[in-house]
């Protein structure tokens, strides 16, 4: 799935940035500013009528991206992992 297709406020992680050619400065810049594999990402808002720009949050930083820029970023839905850290008092006392 591409970042441009990600529903608003749906948590995802960056899989890859796909350049359009060998010397794609935009793809290189996206990687430099934090669009790296494993980084959490969300589309937070879109411009008028759901168009440009997209407000995208990567980690704790927000960026405005054109749809053509967001189309270079491949993402995967984030898995929600819940860990139960409740400890039974009787088991802990033993």
Protein backbone atom coordinates (compact mmCIF):
# COMPACT_ATOMS: atom_id res chain seq x y z
CA UNK A 1 0.00 0.00 0.00
CA UNK A 2 1.24 3.51 -0.75
CA UNK A 3 1.15 6.33 1.80
CA UNK A 4 -1.12 8.32 -0.51
CA UNK A 5 -3.75 5.53 -0.18
CA UNK A 6 -3.55 5.23 3.62
CA UNK A 7 -6.81 6.26 5.35
CA UNK A 8 -6.62 9.28 7.64
CA UNK A 9 -5.41 8.44 11.19
CA UNK A 10 -4.69 4.79 10.33
CA UNK A 11 -1.40 3.72 11.96
CA UNK A 12 1.16 2.24 9.61
CA UNK A 13 4.89 1.69 9.28
CA UNK A 14 7.17 2.64 6.42
CA UNK A 15 8.26 -0.32 4.31
CA UNK A 16 10.31 1.48 1.64
CA UNK A 17 10.72 4.65 -0.39
CA UNK A 18 10.57 3.95 -4.14
CA UNK A 19 12.54 6.38 -6.32
CA UNK A 20 11.41 7.44 -9.79
CA UNK A 21 14.76 6.85 -11.48
CA UNK A 22 18.33 6.70 -10.21
CA UNK A 23 18.71 10.37 -9.31
CA UNK A 24 15.34 10.96 -7.60
CA UNK A 25 16.09 13.83 -5.23
CA UNK A 26 12.62 13.69 -3.69
CA UNK A 27 12.94 10.01 -2.71
CA UNK A 28 16.40 10.69 -1.27
CA UNK A 29 15.06 13.65 0.74
CA UNK A 30 12.12 11.61 2.06
CA UNK A 31 14.58 9.04 3.42
CA UNK A 32 16.75 11.80 4.91
CA UNK A 33 13.85 13.36 6.83
CA UNK A 34 12.71 10.10 8.41
CA UNK A 35 10.78 7.96 5.95
CA UNK A 36 12.86 4.86 6.71
CA UNK A 37 11.75 1.22 7.06
CA UNK A 38 10.06 0.49 10.38
CA UNK A 39 9.24 4.12 11.22
CA UNK A 40 5.62 4.73 12.34
CA UNK A 41 3.60 6.93 9.99
CA UNK A 42 0.05 8.34 9.78
CA UNK A 43 -1.83 10.65 7.45
CA UNK A 44 -3.26 13.22 9.85
CA UNK A 45 -5.13 15.52 7.45
CA UNK A 46 -5.62 16.40 3.79
CA UNK A 47 -6.08 19.70 2.02
CA UNK A 48 -9.39 21.09 0.78
CA UNK A 49 -11.75 18.46 -0.58
CA UNK A 50 -9.34 15.73 0.53
CA UNK A 51 -6.64 16.78 -1.93
CA UNK A 52 -3.22 18.37 -1.49
CA UNK A 53 -1.25 18.75 0.65
CA UNK A 54 -1.34 15.74 2.95
CA UNK A 55 -0.24 16.34 6.53
CA UNK A 56 1.78 13.26 7.42
CA UNK A 57 3.28 12.39 10.78
CA UNK A 58 6.46 10.32 10.84
CA UNK A 59 7.51 9.46 14.36
CA UNK A 60 6.89 12.73 16.24
CA UNK A 61 7.41 15.06 13.27
CA UNK A 62 4.74 16.35 10.88
CA UNK A 63 5.29 17.16 7.21
CA UNK A 64 3.17 18.50 4.37
CA UNK A 65 3.57 16.29 1.29
CA UNK A 66 2.20 16.41 -2.22
CA UNK A 67 0.31 13.32 -3.29
CA UNK A 68 3.05 12.58 -5.85
CA UNK A 69 5.62 12.56 -3.02
CA UNK A 70 3.46 10.37 -0.76
CA UNK A 71 3.02 7.92 -3.63
CA UNK A 72 6.75 7.10 -3.41
CA UNK A 73 6.38 5.77 0.15
CA UNK A 74 5.28 2.16 0.63
CA UNK A 75 3.62 1.45 3.99
CA UNK A 76 2.09 -1.50 5.82
CA UNK A 77 -0.63 -1.39 8.48
CA UNK A 78 0.83 -1.26 11.99
CA UNK A 79 0.10 -4.23 14.18
CA UNK A 80 -1.39 -3.36 17.49
CA UNK A 81 0.40 -5.42 20.06
CA UNK A 82 -1.04 -5.39 23.54
CA UNK A 83 0.99 -6.93 26.29
CA UNK A 84 -0.66 -7.85 29.55
CA UNK A 85 1.78 -6.93 32.29
CA UNK A 86 -0.59 -7.69 35.16
CA UNK A 87 1.13 -9.80 37.74
CA UNK A 88 -0.82 -12.03 40.08
CA UNK A 89 0.17 -11.04 43.63
CA UNK A 90 0.09 -14.62 44.88
CA UNK A 91 2.35 -15.79 42.06
CA UNK A 92 4.73 -12.92 42.74
CA UNK A 93 4.88 -13.73 46.47
CA UNK A 94 5.83 -17.35 45.80
